[in-house]
Protein backbone atom coordinates (compact mmCIF):
# COMPACT_ATOMS: atom_id res chain seq x y z
CA MET A 1 -31.96 -6.02 24.70
CA LYS A 2 -28.11 -6.60 25.04
CA THR A 3 -26.32 -5.94 28.34
CA GLN A 4 -24.02 -2.86 28.49
CA SER A 5 -20.74 -5.41 28.90
CA ILE A 6 -21.53 -7.04 25.87
CA ARG A 7 -21.59 -4.10 23.85
CA LYS A 8 -18.45 -2.72 25.58
CA ALA A 9 -17.07 -5.70 23.02
CA VAL A 10 -18.05 -4.79 20.13
CA PHE A 11 -16.06 -1.65 18.98
CA PRO A 12 -12.69 -3.23 18.70
CA ALA A 13 -14.85 -6.17 16.58
CA LEU A 14 -16.08 -3.39 14.22
CA VAL A 15 -13.77 -1.03 13.90
CA ALA A 16 -11.57 -4.13 12.56
CA LEU A 17 -13.91 -5.34 10.22
CA THR A 18 -14.49 -1.54 8.77
CA THR A 19 -10.81 -1.76 7.71
CA ALA A 20 -10.32 -5.58 7.12
CA THR A 21 -13.66 -6.75 5.22
CA ALA A 22 -12.59 -6.62 1.60
CA CYS A 23 -14.86 -3.41 -0.23
CA GLU A 24 -16.90 -4.65 -2.76
CA GLY A 25 -19.97 -3.24 -4.73
CA PHE A 26 -21.95 -4.62 -7.80
CA HIS A 27 -21.75 -2.90 -11.33
CA GLU A 28 -25.63 -3.52 -11.42
CA ALA A 29 -27.18 -1.68 -8.76
CA MET A 30 -30.69 -2.26 -7.14
CA THR A 31 -32.86 0.35 -7.25
CA ALA A 32 -32.84 2.60 -4.79
CA HIS A 33 -36.60 2.48 -3.01
CA THR A 34 -36.25 -1.17 -2.37
CA ASP A 35 -36.16 -2.39 1.47
CA VAL A 36 -33.03 -5.08 0.69
CA LEU A 37 -29.63 -3.83 1.47
CA ALA A 38 -27.90 -7.12 0.18
CA ARG A 39 -28.93 -10.59 -1.87
CA ALA A 40 -26.20 -13.04 -1.86
CA GLY A 41 -26.23 -17.41 -1.97
CA GLY A 42 -30.22 -17.33 -2.20
CA TYR A 43 -30.60 -15.42 1.19
CA THR A 44 -31.70 -11.33 1.86
CA LEU A 45 -30.15 -9.06 4.30
CA THR A 46 -32.91 -6.56 4.80
CA ILE A 47 -32.58 -2.70 5.88
CA ASP A 48 -34.33 -3.34 9.20
CA ALA A 49 -32.34 -6.94 9.78
CA ALA A 50 -28.66 -5.08 9.54
CA ALA A 51 -30.42 -2.26 11.46
CA GLU A 52 -31.57 -4.38 14.07
CA LEU A 53 -28.09 -6.05 14.25
CA LEU A 54 -26.20 -2.30 14.91
CA ALA A 55 -28.59 -0.70 16.69
CA PRO A 56 -28.12 -2.26 20.40
CA TYR A 57 -24.23 -0.85 20.06
CA ALA A 58 -24.12 2.93 20.23
CA GLN A 59 -20.44 2.44 20.52
CA ILE A 60 -20.37 1.55 16.80
CA SER A 61 -21.08 4.56 14.25
CA ALA A 62 -23.99 4.14 12.08
CA GLU A 63 -22.61 5.45 9.37
CA PRO A 64 -22.95 4.37 5.56
CA ARG A 65 -18.75 2.49 5.90
CA VAL A 66 -20.12 0.63 8.57
CA ILE A 67 -23.00 -0.45 7.00
CA ARG A 68 -20.79 -1.21 3.79
CA ALA A 69 -18.39 -3.56 5.79
CA VAL A 70 -21.45 -5.19 7.34
CA ALA A 71 -22.82 -5.49 4.14
CA ASP A 72 -19.46 -6.82 2.45
CA LEU A 73 -19.19 -9.46 4.99
CA TRP A 74 -22.78 -10.95 4.95
CA VAL A 75 -22.46 -11.25 1.47
CA ASP A 76 -18.88 -12.95 1.78
CA TYR A 77 -20.44 -15.52 4.11
CA SER A 78 -23.52 -16.02 2.34
CA LEU A 79 -21.74 -16.85 -0.78
CA LEU A 80 -19.44 -19.13 1.10
CA ALA A 81 -21.96 -20.71 2.59
CA ALA A 82 -23.96 -21.37 -0.47
CA ALA A 83 -20.64 -22.51 -2.30
CA LEU A 84 -20.21 -25.32 0.89
CA GLU A 85 -23.65 -26.67 0.31
CA ASP A 86 -23.20 -27.18 -3.56
CA ASP A 87 -19.47 -28.30 -2.96
CA PRO A 88 -18.28 -29.26 0.18
CA SER A 89 -15.19 -29.68 -1.00
CA LEU A 90 -15.37 -26.57 -2.75
CA GLU A 91 -13.57 -28.21 -5.95
CA ALA A 92 -15.15 -25.86 -8.46
CA LEU A 93 -13.59 -23.44 -7.36
CA ASP A 94 -10.74 -22.50 -9.96
CA ILE A 95 -7.69 -22.96 -8.21
CA ASP A 96 -5.78 -22.13 -10.75
CA ARG A 97 -7.13 -18.42 -11.21
CA PHE A 98 -6.99 -18.39 -7.39
CA ILE A 99 -2.61 -18.76 -7.37
CA GLN A 100 -2.11 -16.63 -10.52
CA PRO A 101 -0.52 -13.97 -8.33
CA GLU A 102 1.84 -16.66 -7.12
CA ARG A 103 2.80 -18.15 -10.12
CA ASP A 104 3.47 -14.48 -11.63
CA GLN A 105 5.50 -13.70 -8.64
CA ALA A 106 7.32 -16.99 -9.22
CA LEU A 107 8.03 -16.37 -13.06
CA VAL A 108 9.55 -12.67 -12.39
CA TRP A 109 11.78 -14.22 -9.77
CA ARG A 110 12.71 -16.78 -12.62
CA LEU A 111 13.64 -13.72 -14.77
CA ARG A 112 15.47 -12.14 -12.26
CA GLU A 113 17.91 -15.31 -11.82
CA ALA A 114 17.99 -15.29 -15.73
CA VAL A 115 19.19 -11.76 -16.32
CA ILE A 116 21.08 -10.78 -13.31
CA GLN A 117 24.02 -11.95 -13.41
CA LEU A 118 26.68 -10.55 -10.88
CA ASP A 119 29.96 -12.14 -9.62
CA PRO A 120 29.39 -12.95 -5.92
CA ASP A 121 33.18 -12.58 -5.14
CA ILE A 122 34.56 -9.81 -3.60
CA SER A 123 37.98 -9.32 -2.94
CA ASP A 124 39.47 -7.70 0.33
CA GLU A 125 40.74 -4.86 -1.35
CA GLU A 126 37.34 -3.80 -3.14
CA LEU A 127 35.70 -4.50 0.83
CA GLU A 128 38.43 -2.38 2.36
CA GLU A 129 37.52 0.50 0.05
CA ALA A 130 33.92 0.27 -0.06
CA TRP A 131 33.69 0.32 3.44
CA ARG A 132 35.70 3.48 3.74
CA ARG A 133 33.50 4.59 1.09
CA GLU A 134 30.22 3.78 2.02
CA GLY A 135 30.22 1.39 5.28
CA PRO A 136 28.01 2.09 7.84
CA GLY A 137 31.06 2.71 10.22
CA VAL A 138 32.34 6.07 8.71
CA GLU A 139 31.26 9.14 9.91
CA VAL A 140 32.40 12.43 8.72
CA GLU A 141 32.67 16.01 11.19
CA ALA A 142 31.63 19.33 9.24
CA ARG A 143 30.52 22.73 9.35
CA HIS A 144 28.30 24.41 6.91
CA ILE A 145 26.66 27.74 5.61
CA LEU A 146 23.34 27.85 4.56
CA LEU A 147 21.60 30.15 2.36
CA ARG A 148 17.97 29.83 2.82
CA ILE A 149 16.01 30.06 -0.49
CA PRO A 150 12.38 32.31 -0.14
CA ALA A 151 9.48 30.79 -0.96
CA GLU A 152 8.35 31.24 -4.95
CA PRO A 153 11.63 32.68 -5.38
CA THR A 154 12.18 34.14 -9.10
CA ALA A 155 15.24 32.86 -11.13
CA ARG A 156 16.59 36.42 -10.27
CA GLN A 157 16.59 35.52 -6.40
CA ARG A 158 18.30 32.24 -6.93
CA ASP A 159 21.16 33.34 -9.04
CA SER A 160 21.61 36.05 -6.21
CA LEU A 161 22.17 33.61 -3.90
CA VAL A 162 24.14 31.41 -5.81
CA ALA A 163 26.46 33.91 -6.75
CA GLN A 164 26.72 34.84 -3.01
CA ALA A 165 27.42 31.19 -1.96
CA GLN A 166 30.18 30.92 -4.74
CA GLU A 167 31.60 33.94 -3.09
CA LEU A 168 31.82 33.00 0.25
CA ARG A 169 33.74 29.96 -0.93
CA GLU A 170 36.39 31.65 -2.79
CA ARG A 171 37.10 33.49 0.16
CA ALA A 172 37.15 30.53 2.54
CA MET A 173 39.36 28.94 -0.32
CA ALA A 174 41.73 31.92 0.28
CA GLY A 175 42.32 31.33 3.16
CA GLU A 176 39.50 33.05 5.60
CA ASP A 177 38.12 31.13 8.74
CA PHE A 178 34.98 28.94 7.57
CA ALA A 179 33.89 29.10 11.22
CA GLU A 180 33.97 32.90 11.13
CA LEU A 181 32.06 33.15 7.63
CA ALA A 182 29.46 30.80 9.08
CA GLU A 183 29.17 32.73 11.88
CA GLU A 184 28.25 35.71 10.01
CA TYR A 185 26.47 34.91 6.67
CA SER A 186 24.59 31.33 7.40
CA GLU A 187 20.89 31.17 8.03
CA ASP A 188 21.26 28.09 9.68
CA PRO A 189 19.55 29.01 13.49
CA GLY A 190 20.89 25.66 14.52
CA SER A 191 24.39 25.83 13.72
CA ALA A 192 25.16 29.15 12.70
CA GLN A 193 26.04 30.57 16.12
CA ARG A 194 28.60 27.62 16.25
CA GLY A 195 30.38 28.27 13.01
CA GLY A 196 28.36 26.09 11.16
CA ASP A 197 29.39 22.86 13.35
CA LEU A 198 27.30 20.22 12.70
CA GLY A 199 29.29 17.49 14.77
CA TYR A 200 30.35 14.20 13.55
CA PHE A 201 27.25 12.27 11.45
CA GLY A 202 26.89 8.98 9.34
CA ARG A 203 25.47 8.08 6.38
CA GLY A 204 21.30 8.39 6.45
CA ARG A 205 21.71 11.44 8.95
CA MET A 206 21.18 14.17 6.10
CA VAL A 207 19.45 15.04 2.90
CA GLU A 208 20.82 13.53 0.15
CA PRO A 209 22.76 15.65 -1.64
CA PHE A 210 24.20 17.07 1.19
CA GLU A 211 25.14 13.89 2.58
CA ASP A 212 26.92 12.94 -0.91
CA ALA A 213 28.67 16.04 -1.31
CA ALA A 214 30.02 15.91 2.64
CA PHE A 215 31.24 11.89 2.20
CA ASP A 216 32.97 12.73 -0.65
CA LEU A 217 35.24 15.66 0.78
CA GLU A 218 38.38 14.76 2.55
CA PRO A 219 39.23 16.84 6.22
CA GLY A 220 40.03 20.49 5.21
CA GLU A 221 38.28 20.36 1.72
CA VAL A 222 35.11 22.56 0.98
CA SER A 223 32.40 21.53 -1.43
CA ASP A 224 30.94 23.45 -4.20
CA VAL A 225 27.29 24.87 -3.72
CA VAL A 226 25.12 22.08 -3.18
CA GLU A 227 21.49 22.84 -3.19
CA THR A 228 18.83 20.81 -0.97
CA PRO A 229 14.96 21.47 -0.09
CA PHE A 230 16.35 23.76 2.72
CA GLY A 231 18.27 26.10 0.76
CA TYR A 232 22.13 26.73 -0.87
CA HIS A 233 24.49 25.24 1.25
CA LEU A 234 28.48 25.27 1.56
CA ILE A 235 30.15 22.43 3.33
CA MET A 236 33.87 21.74 4.82
CA VAL A 237 34.94 18.55 6.40
CA THR A 238 37.07 19.00 9.54
CA ASP A 239 37.81 15.20 10.22
CA ARG A 240 36.58 11.73 9.07
CA ARG A 241 36.56 8.57 11.40
CA GLU A 242 35.72 4.97 10.80
CA THR A 243 35.93 1.98 12.92
CA GLU A 244 37.63 -0.99 11.50
CA LEU A 245 36.26 -3.23 9.54
CA GLY A 246 36.98 -6.30 11.94
CA ILE A 247 34.25 -8.59 13.16
CA GLN A 248 31.96 -7.16 10.33
CA ARG A 249 33.31 -8.17 7.26
CA GLU A 250 31.25 -10.84 6.31
CA ASP A 251 28.74 -9.03 7.14
CA PHE A 252 29.38 -6.10 5.34
CA ARG A 253 30.39 -8.21 2.35
CA ALA A 254 26.86 -9.80 2.39
CA GLN A 255 25.23 -6.12 2.50
CA LEU A 256 27.61 -4.96 -0.57
CA LEU A 257 26.77 -7.76 -2.55
CA GLU A 258 22.76 -7.60 -1.70
CA GLN A 259 23.39 -3.75 -2.81
CA ARG A 260 24.70 -4.33 -5.87
CA GLU A 261 21.99 -6.95 -6.67
CA ARG A 262 19.55 -4.50 -5.65
CA ASP A 263 21.28 -1.67 -8.14
CA ALA A 264 21.58 -4.51 -11.36
CA GLU A 265 17.85 -4.96 -10.79
CA LEU A 266 17.12 -1.49 -10.65
CA ALA A 267 19.56 -0.73 -14.00
CA TYR A 268 17.82 -3.96 -15.84
CA LEU A 269 14.27 -2.63 -15.15
CA ASP A 270 15.50 0.94 -16.00
CA SER A 271 16.35 -0.45 -19.45
CA LEU A 272 13.35 -2.63 -19.68
CA THR A 273 11.26 0.75 -19.19
CA ARG A 274 12.84 2.97 -21.18
CA ALA A 275 12.97 0.47 -24.22
CA ALA A 276 8.90 0.07 -23.94
CA ASP A 277 8.08 3.50 -23.47
CA ILE A 278 5.55 3.55 -21.14
CA ASP A 279 2.90 6.26 -21.46
CA VAL A 280 0.10 6.43 -18.76
CA LEU A 281 -2.90 8.01 -20.92
CA PRO A 282 -4.85 11.54 -19.68
CA GLY A 283 -7.87 10.91 -17.32
CA ALA A 284 -6.28 7.18 -15.81
CA PRO A 285 -5.19 8.31 -12.34
CA ALA A 286 -8.98 9.53 -12.37
CA VAL A 287 -10.47 6.38 -13.23
CA VAL A 288 -8.39 3.86 -10.96
CA ARG A 289 -9.10 6.85 -8.49
CA GLN A 290 -12.70 5.98 -8.66
CA MET A 291 -12.60 2.09 -8.45
CA ALA A 292 -10.34 2.70 -5.15
CA ARG A 293 -12.94 4.98 -3.89
CA ARG A 294 -15.96 2.39 -4.61
CA GLY A 295 -14.21 -0.33 -3.62
CA ASP A 296 -15.72 -1.24 -6.83
CA LEU A 297 -13.41 -3.93 -9.02
CA ARG A 298 -15.52 -5.52 -10.97
CA THR A 299 -14.90 -4.16 -14.68
CA PRO A 300 -17.49 -6.01 -17.13
CA GLY A 301 -17.51 -4.90 -20.90
CA ARG A 302 -16.23 -1.78 -22.05
CA THR A 303 -15.49 -0.66 -18.67
CA GLY A 304 -12.62 -3.00 -18.03
CA GLU A 305 -11.36 -2.41 -21.58
CA ARG A 306 -10.43 0.97 -20.86
CA VAL A 307 -6.72 1.49 -21.60
CA LEU A 308 -4.69 3.27 -18.72
CA ALA A 309 -1.46 3.25 -20.29
CA THR A 310 0.70 1.93 -23.35
CA TYR A 311 3.92 0.54 -23.78
CA GLU A 312 5.66 -1.14 -27.05
CA GLY A 313 3.45 -3.99 -27.91
CA GLY A 314 1.13 -3.76 -25.48
CA THR A 315 -1.67 -1.78 -23.10
CA LEU A 316 -2.30 -1.67 -19.87
CA THR A 317 -6.35 -2.11 -18.97
CA ALA A 318 -8.47 -0.92 -16.34
CA ALA A 319 -9.26 -4.51 -15.50
CA ASP A 320 -5.52 -5.80 -15.37
CA MET A 321 -5.23 -2.93 -13.01
CA ALA A 322 -8.53 -4.25 -10.84
CA ARG A 323 -6.86 -7.59 -10.65
CA SER A 324 -3.75 -6.07 -9.18
CA LEU A 325 -5.91 -3.77 -6.66
CA ARG A 326 -8.25 -6.52 -5.64
CA LEU A 327 -4.70 -8.40 -4.18
CA GLN A 328 -4.34 -5.59 -1.96
CA PRO A 329 -5.49 -4.65 1.83
CA PRO A 330 -8.67 -2.06 1.96
CA GLN A 331 -6.41 0.16 3.46
CA ALA A 332 -4.05 0.56 0.50
CA LEU A 333 -7.76 1.23 -1.49
CA GLU A 334 -8.40 3.98 1.23
CA GLN A 335 -4.82 5.35 0.48
CA MET A 336 -5.29 5.24 -3.44
CA ALA A 337 -8.31 6.67 -3.00
CA GLY A 338 -7.16 10.12 -1.61
CA ALA A 339 -3.64 9.65 -3.42
CA THR A 340 -2.37 11.93 -5.93
CA GLU A 341 -2.56 12.43 -9.34
CA ALA A 342 0.92 11.54 -9.63
CA GLN A 343 1.29 8.85 -7.09
CA ILE A 344 -1.86 7.27 -8.77
CA GLU A 345 0.07 7.65 -12.18
CA GLU A 346 3.49 6.16 -10.76
CA ARG A 347 1.17 3.35 -9.33
CA ILE A 348 -0.26 2.57 -13.07
CA ARG A 349 3.54 2.93 -14.14
CA GLN A 350 4.29 0.10 -12.17
CA GLU A 351 1.73 -1.90 -12.82
CA ALA A 352 2.86 -1.59 -16.31
CA GLN A 353 6.08 -2.63 -15.65
CA TYR A 354 5.00 -5.64 -13.83
CA GLU A 355 3.41 -6.80 -16.71
CA LEU A 356 6.69 -5.89 -19.13
CA LEU A 357 8.55 -8.19 -16.68
CA ARG A 358 5.60 -10.63 -17.11
CA ARG A 359 5.90 -10.61 -20.74
CA GLU A 360 9.80 -10.93 -20.89
CA ALA A 361 9.70 -13.76 -19.25
CA ARG A 362 7.26 -15.56 -21.69
CA LEU A 363 9.45 -14.47 -24.45
CA LEU A 364 12.36 -16.35 -22.76
CA GLU A 365 10.33 -18.97 -22.48
CA LEU A 366 10.54 -18.85 -19.15
CA GLU A 367 8.02 -21.67 -16.54
CA VAL A 368 7.45 -22.17 -12.91
CA PRO A 369 8.17 -25.89 -12.24
CA GLU A 370 4.87 -28.08 -12.10
CA GLU A 371 6.05 -29.15 -8.87
CA GLU A 372 6.08 -25.71 -7.44
CA VAL A 373 2.72 -24.89 -9.30
CA GLU A 374 1.26 -27.98 -7.41
CA ARG A 375 2.92 -26.90 -3.94
CA MET A 376 0.87 -23.49 -4.52
CA ARG A 377 -2.30 -25.33 -5.32
CA SER A 378 -1.78 -27.35 -2.19
CA GLU A 379 -1.17 -24.67 0.06
CA ALA A 380 -4.48 -22.70 -1.52
CA ARG A 381 -6.85 -25.21 -0.86
CA SER A 382 -5.34 -25.32 2.88
CA ALA A 383 -5.61 -21.89 3.03
CA ILE A 384 -9.24 -21.82 1.59
CA ARG A 385 -10.16 -24.89 4.06
CA GLU A 386 -8.72 -22.60 7.12
CA VAL A 387 -10.67 -19.37 6.37
CA VAL A 388 -13.68 -21.66 5.81
CA ARG A 389 -12.88 -23.23 9.29
CA MET A 390 -12.14 -19.83 10.91
CA ALA A 391 -15.41 -18.10 9.57
CA GLY A 392 -17.58 -20.69 11.31
CA LEU A 393 -18.89 -22.60 8.35
CA ASP A 394 -16.50 -25.39 8.11
CA ASN A 395 -19.87 -27.43 8.73
CA GLY A 396 -21.77 -26.41 5.73
CA ARG A 397 -24.66 -24.33 5.31
CA GLU A 398 -26.73 -23.98 8.78
CA ALA A 399 -29.80 -24.83 9.34
CA THR A 400 -31.72 -21.68 9.70
CA GLU A 401 -35.38 -20.09 9.17
CA SER A 402 -34.08 -16.44 8.85
CA PRO A 403 -33.78 -15.05 5.46
CA ALA A 404 -30.81 -13.36 5.98
CA GLY A 405 -29.21 -17.09 6.34
CA PRO A 406 -26.57 -18.56 8.69
CA ALA A 407 -24.11 -15.24 7.70
CA TYR A 408 -26.28 -13.34 10.38
CA GLY A 409 -25.59 -15.36 13.02
CA ILE A 410 -21.78 -14.96 12.31
CA LEU A 411 -22.28 -11.16 12.00
CA GLN A 412 -24.41 -11.23 15.66
CA ASP A 413 -21.15 -13.19 17.08
CA VAL A 414 -18.97 -10.85 15.13
CA VAL A 415 -20.84 -6.95 16.92
CA GLU A 416 -21.12 -9.01 20.59
CA GLY A 417 -17.36 -9.73 20.11
CA ARG A 418 -17.80 -13.50 20.31
CA ARG A 419 -15.86 -14.09 16.76
CA SER A 420 -13.64 -12.00 15.10
CA PRO A 421 -14.66 -10.86 11.47
CA ILE A 422 -12.52 -13.27 9.34
CA PRO A 423 -11.74 -11.24 5.38
CA LEU A 424 -12.22 -13.96 2.93
CA GLY A 425 -9.76 -11.88 0.50
CA ARG A 426 -9.31 -13.23 -3.16
CA LEU A 427 -11.92 -15.92 -2.24
CA SER A 428 -14.57 -13.08 -1.94
CA HIS A 429 -13.70 -12.26 -5.29
CA GLN A 430 -14.00 -15.64 -7.17
CA LEU A 431 -17.10 -16.24 -4.88
CA ARG A 432 -18.77 -13.28 -6.36
CA ASP A 433 -17.90 -13.87 -9.89
CA VAL A 434 -18.90 -17.51 -9.85
CA TYR A 435 -22.52 -17.09 -7.71
CA GLY A 436 -22.91 -13.25 -8.09
CA ALA A 437 -24.31 -10.78 -5.29
CA ARG A 438 -26.01 -7.66 -5.18
CA ILE A 439 -25.20 -4.60 -2.74
CA ASN A 440 -27.49 -1.80 -2.83
CA GLU A 441 -25.23 1.33 -2.21
CA GLY A 442 -28.44 3.34 -2.13
CA ALA A 443 -29.55 1.32 0.97
CA PHE A 444 -26.79 2.52 2.82
CA ASP A 445 -28.10 6.11 3.83
CA ARG A 446 -31.40 4.79 4.65
CA THR A 447 -29.82 1.87 7.07
CA ALA A 448 -28.02 4.02 9.32
CA ARG A 449 -31.01 6.39 9.53
CA ARG A 450 -33.07 3.12 10.85
CA VAL A 451 -30.39 2.13 13.35
CA GLU A 452 -30.53 5.85 14.56
CA GLU A 453 -34.33 5.49 14.74
CA LEU A 454 -34.12 2.25 16.77
CA ARG A 455 -31.31 3.65 18.88
CA VAL A 456 -33.87 6.83 19.61
CA ARG A 457 -36.87 4.41 20.28
CA GLU A 458 -34.46 2.51 22.74
CA ARG A 459 -33.76 5.75 25.20
CA THR A 460 -37.00 7.19 24.74
CA GLY A 461 -39.64 4.50 24.30
CA PRO A 462 -42.04 3.83 21.20
CA ASP A 463 -44.43 6.25 22.58
CA GLU A 464 -42.49 9.10 23.00
CA LEU A 465 -40.59 8.53 19.45
CA GLY A 466 -44.35 8.15 17.61
CA ALA A 467 -45.25 11.44 19.40
CA ARG A 468 -42.38 12.92 17.59
């Protein structure tokens, strides 16, 4: 049995394992009654073998997500060992498929360079005006009156509050003291007793509608009624101050140019999206949530053909979405599984937009130069070799008598804290596509129970366990 000192080292490694291992099941589930947890690369990981691996370490929670992480890492390493035995150089891997995401990104970047044309020259006059209007050194001093909106207000309540705010504005414009009006009517407990005084503030400190209104005012001016999530506001700017542009001139010039580029990119994407008329179909968010929840990103046959969104001249399918989700870390999949329908719908829309950009680049006959593609291939091969080395399989498939193969020994090193878990990422997906693997999801609960049984036996002894 392992010592207590070794047990203390395992918990961080397994926590990392459950959040860093690529979580992918299989679409053809094994029967629930089998004693096999997973098969890959000619090896078999049984329920008992997995339980015996985890049982000595009470710090590791015996729950299905941990069993899933262990099975996934074992499958990845077993397939990698098998691939290395068949082809030590891994030349059989489709490296062009491996680098496709990078090629897509490079192609979209070339589209950006082709369609976003900005004059890089910003005159000193333009720079000074932008600094006064939106520079980080500009601050305003302001007072405000807040009329709070009740929870779930009726239209009549809203109209009444707006009318009251407009009346207060007219009184202020007629010469009544704004600070006295704020002290009497404002429902902002933090500033009402100070006559609504908010002091000085720069951009980024207030919610956007409030900030935009305040920075549009000159000292002494009173805003129209401004609505924010907090309620209805009247704002009076009492002072404006700014630092001189000075030595920040060139940094601000670069910042302004970057902002103009971002604005141009968003405008182009918006025009492309409106012309394409993207429509996310009913039920699509539920499909994506299920994919993320199961971690099963294989989409064979009709599953992959399921249309999630349509746009002028094309569709986004479940297979398209799965390819994108494969590039995300496990944490992102967990977030997707718990996201709202609106959030998932927006993610689907973004993927459709990305496909529109790739299609537009192809229509313009843009290409990534071959020398850049070859550089990507070379970097990918180096990255794969480094993963093989870090996984401990750089000498190919190690000699082993265990039915669970060399991956089992690597997992022992992981749980004992002698090795960090190395997720294979995209390499995992390609190995599974090429060699196939089976993980018995129906065995997760049984494996977890077996771990607990072994732990009880360790604490009480086999005789007492049998008496129970």
